[in-house]
Amino acid sequence: MTPMKNIYLFLALGLASCSSPRNLVYFSDLPSKSQRSELAVVDTEPKIQKSDLLNITVNSSSLESNVLFAANVNTTERGYYEKEGYRVNKNGEVNFPVLGNVKLEGLTIEQAQKALSSQLSNYVKKPIVNVQFMNFKVTVIGEVNHPSTFEVTNDKITLLEALGMAGDMTAYGKRNNVLVIRESGEKRIMARVDLNKKETLSSPYFYLKQNDVVYVEPDKAKALEYSRSNTFRPLVIATISAVAVITTAFIRN
């Protein structure tokens, strides 16, 4: 190994040793295996919001009524059935057959089903109403292996499940300072979550809601590595160029 390479290796090892140790374990403050820990689960049921797309189906003993309330099913040119859904408008309402505009904003899925069933019972005998989100998605970006936007097939997803869908954090992800960005009404809420602490399991941000964005910040070691590579790259290029010039000069002489 040449003296120049020895110098670079010494500097790289010296800079690496200066970086602070990273805690890569989730919930590292949990008790040992022989102990049991219990934490209360907060109410995190997602609420219907403006611009949500809902799949609403009504079933009853009347075939005519079932066809009437199947307005959110659309037939394509090839004859396939395609769910169109009911969009929650800026007033928090959906335009439902027979009932007209129905306020659903701020309700959970269960509450919306009960509200629609109660109103439809005036027109249909014992209606069974099913409501589902059609555009429930979360986005995970930053120091994860597969950043992307993910469709959620059910009404609940935890922060850990979303990170798992994104391939988990990289070794440079700050587990103690995960940012969750959430839209609530006309507000945008930004909250920090510490995944090294067990209290996060009771956080209102442990269960994600529709359109949440999860951002995993890089730690200082990543910034140091990036800075180090940017520092050495021009130095190496300059050294190679100087060696090439000197070699060319010797050859000519």
C-alpha atoms as a PDB file:
ATOM      1  CA  MET A   1       0.000   0.000   0.000  1.00  0.00           C
ATOM      2  CA  THR A   2       1.389   3.393  -0.988  1.00  0.00           C
ATOM      3  CA  PRO A   3       2.033   6.156   1.577  1.00  0.00           C
ATOM      4  CA  MET A   4      -0.748   8.271   0.041  1.00  0.00           C
ATOM      5  CA  LYS A   5      -3.283   5.444   0.490  1.00  0.00           C
ATOM      6  CA  ASN A   6      -2.123   4.993   4.085  1.00  0.00           C
ATOM      7  CA  ILE A   7      -2.834   8.670   4.758  1.00  0.00           C
ATOM      8  CA  TYR A   8      -6.360   8.408   3.293  1.00  0.00           C
ATOM      9  CA  LEU A   9      -7.101   5.279   5.304  1.00  0.00           C
ATOM     10  CA  PHE A  10      -5.872   6.891   8.517  1.00  0.00           C
ATOM     11  CA  LEU A  11      -8.033   9.974   7.959  1.00  0.00           C
ATOM     12  CA  ALA A  12     -11.119   7.893   7.103  1.00  0.00           C
ATOM     13  CA  LEU A  13     -10.756   5.760  10.236  1.00  0.00           C
ATOM     14  CA  GLY A  14     -10.200   8.844  12.364  1.00  0.00           C
ATOM     15  CA  LEU A  15     -13.356  10.540  11.079  1.00  0.00           C
ATOM     16  CA  ALA A  16     -15.399   7.351  11.487  1.00  0.00           C
ATOM     17  CA  SER A  17     -14.297   7.005  15.110  1.00  0.00           C
ATOM     18  CA  CYS A  18     -15.573  10.519  15.841  1.00  0.00           C
ATOM     19  CA  SER A  19     -19.156   9.668  14.894  1.00  0.00           C
ATOM     20  CA  SER A  20     -21.497   9.029  17.831  1.00  0.00           C
ATOM     21  CA  PRO A  21     -22.888   5.495  18.388  1.00  0.00           C
ATOM     22  CA  ARG A  22     -26.389   4.865  17.035  1.00  0.00           C
ATOM     23  CA  ASN A  23     -29.222   3.047  18.790  1.00  0.00           C
ATOM     24  CA  LEU A  24     -30.654   0.795  16.090  1.00  0.00           C
ATOM     25  CA  VAL A  25     -33.081  -1.078  18.381  1.00  0.00           C
ATOM     26  CA  TYR A  26     -36.782  -0.205  18.421  1.00  0.00           C
ATOM     27  CA  PHE A  27     -38.250   0.373  21.908  1.00  0.00           C
ATOM     28  CA  SER A  28     -34.901  -0.245  23.569  1.00  0.00           C
ATOM     29  CA  ASP A  29     -36.302   0.831  26.959  1.00  0.00           C
ATOM     30  CA  LEU A  30     -38.735  -2.109  27.166  1.00  0.00           C
ATOM     31  CA  PRO A  31     -38.188  -4.438  30.148  1.00  0.00           C
ATOM     32  CA  SER A  32     -36.362  -7.750  29.880  1.00  0.00           C
ATOM     33  CA  LYS A  33     -38.016 -10.936  28.618  1.00  0.00           C
ATOM     34  CA  SER A  34     -38.940 -12.022  32.128  1.00  0.00           C
ATOM     35  CA  GLN A  35     -41.068  -8.912  32.680  1.00  0.00           C
ATOM     36  CA  ARG A  36     -44.383  -7.856  31.199  1.00  0.00           C
ATOM     37  CA  SER A  37     -45.268  -4.328  30.136  1.00  0.00           C
ATOM     38  CA  GLU A  38     -48.716  -2.965  29.336  1.00  0.00           C
ATOM     39  CA  LEU A  39     -49.588   0.350  27.738  1.00  0.00           C
ATOM     40  CA  ALA A  40     -53.000   1.850  27.086  1.00  0.00           C
ATOM     41  CA  VAL A  41     -54.092   2.148  23.453  1.00  0.00           C
ATOM     42  CA  VAL A  42     -55.516   5.555  22.561  1.00  0.00           C
ATOM     43  CA  ASP A  43     -58.545   5.993  20.297  1.00  0.00           C
ATOM     44  CA  THR A  44     -57.019   6.264  16.851  1.00  0.00           C
ATOM     45  CA  GLU A  45     -59.990   5.407  14.655  1.00  0.00           C
ATOM     46  CA  PRO A  46     -59.576   7.319  11.364  1.00  0.00           C
ATOM     47  CA  LYS A  47     -62.255   9.921  10.657  1.00  0.00           C
ATOM     48  CA  ILE A  48     -63.753  10.701   7.278  1.00  0.00           C
ATOM     49  CA  GLN A  49     -62.281  13.863   5.781  1.00  0.00           C
ATOM     50  CA  LYS A  50     -62.938  16.150   2.835  1.00  0.00           C
ATOM     51  CA  SER A  51     -61.813  14.676  -0.522  1.00  0.00           C
ATOM     52  CA  ASP A  52     -61.977  11.110   0.807  1.00  0.00           C
ATOM     53  CA  LEU A  53     -63.283   8.560  -1.670  1.00  0.00           C
ATOM     54  CA  LEU A  54     -65.730   6.114  -0.109  1.00  0.00           C
ATOM     55  CA  ASN A  55     -67.155   2.833  -1.302  1.00  0.00           C
ATOM     56  CA  ILE A  56     -70.720   2.633   0.037  1.00  0.00           C
ATOM     57  CA  THR A  57     -72.871  -0.432  -0.521  1.00  0.00           C
ATOM     58  CA  VAL A  58     -76.423  -1.098   0.636  1.00  0.00           C
ATOM     59  CA  ASN A  59     -77.971  -4.557   0.891  1.00  0.00           C
ATOM     60  CA  SER A  60     -81.578  -5.371   1.726  1.00  0.00           C
ATOM     61  CA  SER A  61     -84.267  -7.913   0.956  1.00  0.00           C
ATOM     62  CA  SER A  62     -85.392  -5.765  -1.992  1.00  0.00           C
ATOM     63  CA  LEU A  63     -83.507  -6.387  -5.243  1.00  0.00           C
ATOM     64  CA  GLU A  64     -84.781  -3.092  -6.683  1.00  0.00           C
ATOM     65  CA  SER A  65     -83.373  -1.161  -3.732  1.00  0.00           C
ATOM     66  CA  ASN A  66     -80.005  -2.884  -4.028  1.00  0.00           C
ATOM     67  CA  VAL A  67     -79.751  -1.835  -7.678  1.00  0.00           C
ATOM     68  CA  LEU A  68     -80.845   1.709  -6.852  1.00  0.00           C
ATOM     69  CA  PHE A  69     -78.143   2.187  -4.222  1.00  0.00           C
ATOM     70  CA  ALA A  70     -75.402   0.674  -6.358  1.00  0.00           C
ATOM     71  CA  ALA A  71     -74.739   4.069  -7.917  1.00  0.00           C
ATOM     72  CA  ASN A  72     -71.033   3.921  -7.110  1.00  0.00           C
ATOM     73  CA  VAL A  73     -70.507   0.938  -9.414  1.00  0.00           C
ATOM     74  CA  ASN A  74     -69.666   1.887 -12.991  1.00  0.00           C
ATOM     75  CA  THR A  75     -69.576  -0.373 -16.065  1.00  0.00           C
ATOM     76  CA  THR A  76     -66.579   0.054 -18.379  1.00  0.00           C
ATOM     77  CA  GLU A  77     -66.609  -0.269 -22.183  1.00  0.00           C
ATOM     78  CA  ARG A  78     -65.481  -3.900 -21.888  1.00  0.00           C
ATOM     79  CA  GLY A  79     -68.335  -4.744 -19.548  1.00  0.00           C
ATOM     80  CA  TYR A  80     -66.262  -4.918 -16.341  1.00  0.00           C
ATOM     81  CA  TYR A  81     -67.569  -3.449 -13.131  1.00  0.00           C
ATOM     82  CA  GLU A  82     -65.426  -0.633 -11.802  1.00  0.00           C
ATOM     83  CA  LYS A  83     -65.936   1.004  -8.427  1.00  0.00           C
ATOM     84  CA  GLU A  84     -66.372   4.710  -8.826  1.00  0.00           C
ATOM     85  CA  GLY A  85     -66.999   5.657  -5.218  1.00  0.00           C
ATOM     86  CA  TYR A  86     -68.519   8.638  -3.451  1.00  0.00           C
ATOM     87  CA  ARG A  87     -66.315  11.680  -3.061  1.00  0.00           C
ATOM     88  CA  VAL A  88     -66.641  13.724   0.134  1.00  0.00           C
ATOM     89  CA  ASN A  89     -67.076  17.299  -1.060  1.00  0.00           C
ATOM     90  CA  LYS A  90     -65.749  20.547   0.432  1.00  0.00           C
ATOM     91  CA  ASN A  91     -68.782  20.682   2.728  1.00  0.00           C
ATOM     92  CA  GLY A  92     -67.969  17.236   4.130  1.00  0.00           C
ATOM     93  CA  GLU A  93     -70.947  15.617   2.373  1.00  0.00           C
ATOM     94  CA  VAL A  94     -71.562  12.821  -0.107  1.00  0.00           C
ATOM     95  CA  ASN A  95     -74.368  12.926  -2.638  1.00  0.00           C
ATOM     96  CA  PHE A  96     -76.172   9.641  -2.009  1.00  0.00           C
ATOM     97  CA  PRO A  97     -79.131   8.283  -4.007  1.00  0.00           C
ATOM     98  CA  VAL A  98     -82.563   9.090  -2.533  1.00  0.00           C
ATOM     99  CA  LEU A  99     -81.021  10.743   0.553  1.00  0.00           C
ATOM    100  CA  GLY A 100     -79.251  13.553  -1.300  1.00  0.00           C
ATOM    101  CA  ASN A 101     -76.356  15.272   0.489  1.00  0.00           C
ATOM    102  CA  VAL A 102     -75.362  13.433   3.663  1.00  0.00           C
ATOM    103  CA  LYS A 103     -72.817  14.861   6.116  1.00  0.00           C
ATOM    104  CA  LEU A 104     -70.125  12.260   6.854  1.00  0.00           C
ATOM    105  CA  GLU A 105     -67.061  14.368   7.602  1.00  0.00           C
ATOM    106  CA  GLY A 106     -65.692  13.781  11.086  1.00  0.00           C
ATOM    107  CA  LEU A 107     -67.364  10.379  11.469  1.00  0.00           C
ATOM    108  CA  THR A 108     -65.614   7.045  11.801  1.00  0.00           C
ATOM    109  CA  ILE A 109     -66.493   4.282   9.354  1.00  0.00           C
ATOM    110  CA  GLU A 110     -68.764   2.645  11.927  1.00  0.00           C
ATOM    111  CA  GLN A 111     -70.510   5.927  12.723  1.00  0.00           C
ATOM    112  CA  ALA A 112     -71.032   6.638   9.004  1.00  0.00           C
ATOM    113  CA  GLN A 113     -72.582   3.198   8.497  1.00  0.00           C
ATOM    114  CA  LYS A 114     -75.000   3.762  11.381  1.00  0.00           C
ATOM    115  CA  ALA A 115     -75.922   7.264  10.154  1.00  0.00           C
ATOM    116  CA  LEU A 116     -76.657   6.063   6.619  1.00  0.00           C
ATOM    117  CA  SER A 117     -78.534   3.002   7.855  1.00  0.00           C
ATOM    118  CA  SER A 118     -80.714   5.155  10.099  1.00  0.00           C
ATOM    119  CA  GLN A 119     -81.681   7.501   7.247  1.00  0.00           C
ATOM    120  CA  LEU A 120     -82.173   4.688   4.711  1.00  0.00           C
ATOM    121  CA  SER A 121     -84.495   2.801   7.064  1.00  0.00           C
ATOM    122  CA  ASN A 122     -87.172   5.342   6.108  1.00  0.00           C
ATOM    123  CA  TYR A 123     -87.074   3.989   2.547  1.00  0.00           C
ATOM    124  CA  VAL A 124     -85.686   0.442   2.836  1.00  0.00           C
ATOM    125  CA  LYS A 125     -86.536  -2.299   5.316  1.00  0.00           C
ATOM    126  CA  LYS A 126     -83.555  -3.266   7.480  1.00  0.00           C
ATOM    127  CA  PRO A 127     -80.783  -1.947   5.235  1.00  0.00           C
ATOM    128  CA  ILE A 128     -77.245  -3.225   5.749  1.00  0.00           C
ATOM    129  CA  VAL A 129     -74.739  -0.469   4.948  1.00  0.00           C
ATOM    130  CA  ASN A 130     -71.035  -1.042   4.393  1.00  0.00           C
ATOM    131  CA  VAL A 131     -68.594   1.876   4.076  1.00  0.00           C
ATOM    132  CA  GLN A 132     -64.926   1.579   3.135  1.00  0.00           C
ATOM    133  CA  PHE A 133     -62.117   3.979   2.329  1.00  0.00           C
ATOM    134  CA  MET A 134     -61.011   3.722  -1.300  1.00  0.00           C
ATOM    135  CA  ASN A 135     -58.077   6.138  -1.166  1.00  0.00           C
ATOM    136  CA  PHE A 136     -56.484   5.357   2.215  1.00  0.00           C
ATOM    137  CA  LYS A 137     -52.774   5.791   1.597  1.00  0.00           C
ATOM    138  CA  VAL A 138     -49.647   6.699   3.546  1.00  0.00           C
ATOM    139  CA  THR A 139     -46.279   7.921   2.296  1.00  0.00           C
ATOM    140  CA  VAL A 140     -42.932   6.901   3.794  1.00  0.00           C
ATOM    141  CA  ILE A 141     -39.818   8.807   2.700  1.00  0.00           C
ATOM    142  CA  GLY A 142     -36.301   9.537   3.899  1.00  0.00           C
ATOM    143  CA  GLU A 143     -33.878   6.975   5.323  1.00  0.00           C
ATOM    144  CA  VAL A 144     -35.853   3.853   4.442  1.00  0.00           C
ATOM    145  CA  ASN A 145     -34.945   1.143   1.963  1.00  0.00           C
ATOM    146  CA  HIS A 146     -37.986   1.512  -0.297  1.00  0.00           C
ATOM    147  CA  PRO A 147     -39.565   4.989   0.016  1.00  0.00           C
ATOM    148  CA  SER A 148     -42.983   5.118  -1.617  1.00  0.00           C
ATOM    149  CA  THR A 149     -46.693   5.809  -1.231  1.00  0.00           C
ATOM    150  CA  PHE A 150     -48.626   2.738  -0.088  1.00  0.00           C
ATOM    151  CA  GLU A 151     -52.300   1.899  -0.438  1.00  0.00           C
ATOM    152  CA  VAL A 152     -53.854   0.630   2.800  1.00  0.00           C
ATOM    153  CA  THR A 153     -56.456  -2.095   2.336  1.00  0.00           C
ATOM    154  CA  ASN A 154     -57.977  -1.814   5.809  1.00  0.00           C
ATOM    155  CA  ASP A 155     -58.821   1.109   8.055  1.00  0.00           C
ATOM    156  CA  LYS A 156     -55.824   0.829  10.379  1.00  0.00           C
ATOM    157  CA  ILE A 157     -52.074   0.802   9.951  1.00  0.00           C
ATOM    158  CA  THR A 158     -49.376   1.379  12.542  1.00  0.00           C
ATOM    159  CA  LEU A 159     -46.181   3.346  12.093  1.00  0.00           C
ATOM    160  CA  LEU A 160     -44.191   0.103  12.342  1.00  0.00           C
ATOM    161  CA  GLU A 161     -46.309  -1.532   9.636  1.00  0.00           C
ATOM    162  CA  ALA A 162     -45.738   1.435   7.314  1.00  0.00           C
ATOM    163  CA  LEU A 163     -41.988   1.272   7.925  1.00  0.00           C
ATOM    164  CA  GLY A 164     -42.103  -2.456   7.235  1.00  0.00           C
ATOM    165  CA  MET A 165     -43.830  -1.820   3.900  1.00  0.00           C
ATOM    166  CA  ALA A 166     -41.013   0.612   3.094  1.00  0.00           C
ATOM    167  CA  GLY A 167     -38.381  -2.037   3.796  1.00  0.00           C
ATOM    168  CA  ASP A 168     -37.545  -0.702   7.285  1.00  0.00           C
ATOM    169  CA  MET A 169     -35.146   2.134   8.112  1.00  0.00           C
ATOM    170  CA  THR A 170     -31.579   2.147   6.916  1.00  0.00           C
ATOM    171  CA  ALA A 171     -28.787   2.086   9.481  1.00  0.00           C
ATOM    172  CA  TYR A 172     -28.645   5.890   9.189  1.00  0.00           C
ATOM    173  CA  GLY A 173     -32.327   6.502  10.045  1.00  0.00           C
ATOM    174  CA  LYS A 174     -32.983   8.445  13.252  1.00  0.00           C
ATOM    175  CA  ARG A 175     -35.239   6.106  15.175  1.00  0.00           C
ATOM    176  CA  ASN A 176     -35.586   8.583  18.020  1.00  0.00           C
ATOM    177  CA  ASN A 177     -36.929  11.422  15.861  1.00  0.00           C
ATOM    178  CA  VAL A 178     -39.370  10.194  13.191  1.00  0.00           C
ATOM    179  CA  LEU A 179     -41.558  12.948  11.741  1.00  0.00           C
ATOM    180  CA  VAL A 180     -45.262  12.309  11.071  1.00  0.00           C
ATOM    181  CA  ILE A 181     -47.062  14.922   8.963  1.00  0.00           C
ATOM    182  CA  ARG A 182     -50.846  14.782   9.219  1.00  0.00           C
ATOM    183  CA  GLU A 183     -53.658  16.826   7.700  1.00  0.00           C
ATOM    184  CA  SER A 184     -56.506  17.530  10.090  1.00  0.00           C
ATOM    185  CA  GLY A 185     -59.273  19.710   8.724  1.00  0.00           C
ATOM    186  CA  GLU A 186     -57.651  22.916   7.533  1.00  0.00           C
ATOM    187  CA  LYS A 187     -54.488  22.298   9.557  1.00  0.00           C
ATOM    188  CA  ARG A 188     -51.261  20.414   8.892  1.00  0.00           C
ATOM    189  CA  ILE A 189     -49.865  18.843  12.062  1.00  0.00           C
ATOM    190  CA  MET A 190     -46.212  17.814  12.403  1.00  0.00           C
ATOM    191  CA  ALA A 191     -45.291  15.525  15.296  1.00  0.00           C
ATOM    192  CA  ARG A 192     -42.038  13.839  16.333  1.00  0.00           C
ATOM    193  CA  VAL A 193     -42.074  10.197  17.412  1.00  0.00           C
ATOM    194  CA  ASP A 194     -39.306   8.414  19.338  1.00  0.00           C
ATOM    195  CA  LEU A 195     -39.251   4.745  18.339  1.00  0.00           C
ATOM    196  CA  ASN A 196     -36.613   4.020  20.980  1.00  0.00           C
ATOM    197  CA  LYS A 197     -39.191   4.582  23.734  1.00  0.00           C
ATOM    198  CA  LYS A 198     -42.099   2.315  24.648  1.00  0.00           C
ATOM    199  CA  GLU A 199     -44.387   5.308  25.314  1.00  0.00           C
ATOM    200  CA  THR A 200     -44.653   5.702  21.539  1.00  0.00           C
ATOM    201  CA  LEU A 201     -46.980   2.679  21.512  1.00  0.00           C
ATOM    202  CA  SER A 202     -49.583   4.904  23.228  1.00  0.00           C
ATOM    203  CA  SER A 203     -48.950   7.911  21.001  1.00  0.00           C
ATOM    204  CA  PRO A 204     -51.840   9.203  18.849  1.00  0.00           C
ATOM    205  CA  TYR A 205     -49.361   9.059  15.964  1.00  0.00           C
ATOM    206  CA  PHE A 206     -48.471   5.383  16.366  1.00  0.00           C
ATOM    207  CA  TYR A 207     -51.587   4.537  14.349  1.00  0.00           C
ATOM    208  CA  LEU A 208     -51.440   6.378  11.042  1.00  0.00           C
ATOM    209  CA  LYS A 209     -54.378   8.004   9.280  1.00  0.00           C
ATOM    210  CA  GLN A 210     -55.175   8.526   5.625  1.00  0.00           C
ATOM    211  CA  ASN A 211     -52.696  10.730   3.737  1.00  0.00           C
ATOM    212  CA  ASP A 212     -50.140  10.720   6.583  1.00  0.00           C
ATOM    213  CA  VAL A 213     -46.536  11.302   5.533  1.00  0.00           C
ATOM    214  CA  VAL A 214     -43.727   9.627   7.502  1.00  0.00           C
ATOM    215  CA  TYR A 215     -40.274  11.179   7.143  1.00  0.00           C
ATOM    216  CA  VAL A 216     -37.213   9.419   8.551  1.00  0.00           C
ATOM    217  CA  GLU A 217     -34.346  11.853   8.987  1.00  0.00           C
ATOM    218  CA  PRO A 218     -30.692  10.834   8.442  1.00  0.00           C
ATOM    219  CA  ASP A 219     -28.420  11.024  11.466  1.00  0.00           C
ATOM    220  CA  LYS A 220     -25.148  12.913  11.738  1.00  0.00           C
ATOM    221  CA  ALA A 221     -23.123   9.884  10.644  1.00  0.00           C
ATOM    222  CA  LYS A 222     -24.778  10.013   7.202  1.00  0.00           C
ATOM    223  CA  ALA A 223     -24.034  13.721   6.879  1.00  0.00           C
ATOM    224  CA  LEU A 224     -20.442  13.101   7.985  1.00  0.00           C
ATOM    225  CA  GLU A 225     -19.991  10.309   5.459  1.00  0.00           C
ATOM    226  CA  TYR A 226     -21.445  12.445   2.665  1.00  0.00           C
ATOM    227  CA  SER A 227     -19.234  15.367   3.663  1.00  0.00           C
ATOM    228  CA  ARG A 228     -16.199  13.082   3.866  1.00  0.00           C
ATOM    229  CA  SER A 229     -16.781  11.641   0.389  1.00  0.00           C
ATOM    230  CA  ASN A 230     -17.202  15.116  -1.053  1.00  0.00           C
ATOM    231  CA  THR A 231     -13.959  16.189   0.631  1.00  0.00           C
ATOM    232  CA  PHE A 232     -11.828  13.278  -0.565  1.00  0.00           C
ATOM    233  CA  ARG A 233     -13.200  13.022  -4.101  1.00  0.00           C
ATOM    234  CA  PRO A 234     -11.668  16.267  -5.455  1.00  0.00           C
ATOM    235  CA  LEU A 235      -8.493  15.521  -3.519  1.00  0.00           C
ATOM    236  CA  VAL A 236      -8.168  12.103  -5.162  1.00  0.00           C
ATOM    237  CA  ILE A 237      -8.929  13.532  -8.598  1.00  0.00           C
ATOM    238  CA  ALA A 238      -6.353  16.271  -8.104  1.00  0.00           C
ATOM    239  CA  THR A 239      -3.759  13.715  -6.956  1.00  0.00           C
ATOM    240  CA  ILE A 240      -4.408  11.464  -9.964  1.00  0.00           C
ATOM    241  CA  SER A 241      -4.153  14.455 -12.289  1.00  0.00           C
ATOM    242  CA  ALA A 242      -0.864  15.543 -10.694  1.00  0.00           C
ATOM    243  CA  VAL A 243       0.590  12.035 -10.983  1.00  0.00           C
ATOM    244  CA  ALA A 244      -0.464  11.891 -14.635  1.00  0.00           C
ATOM    245  CA  VAL A 245       1.195  15.235 -15.360  1.00  0.00           C
ATOM    246  CA  ILE A 246       4.429  14.219 -13.606  1.00  0.00           C
ATOM    247  CA  THR A 247       4.470  10.834 -15.380  1.00  0.00           C
ATOM    248  CA  THR A 248       3.947  12.510 -18.743  1.00  0.00           C
ATOM    249  CA  ALA A 249       6.791  14.939 -18.020  1.00  0.00           C
ATOM    250  CA  PHE A 250       9.187  12.078 -17.132  1.00  0.00           C
ATOM    251  CA  ILE A 251       8.232  10.169 -20.275  1.00  0.00           C
ATOM    252  CA  ARG A 252       8.897  13.177 -22.477  1.00  0.00           C
ATOM    253  CA  ASN A 253      12.272  13.749 -20.841  1.00  0.00           C
END
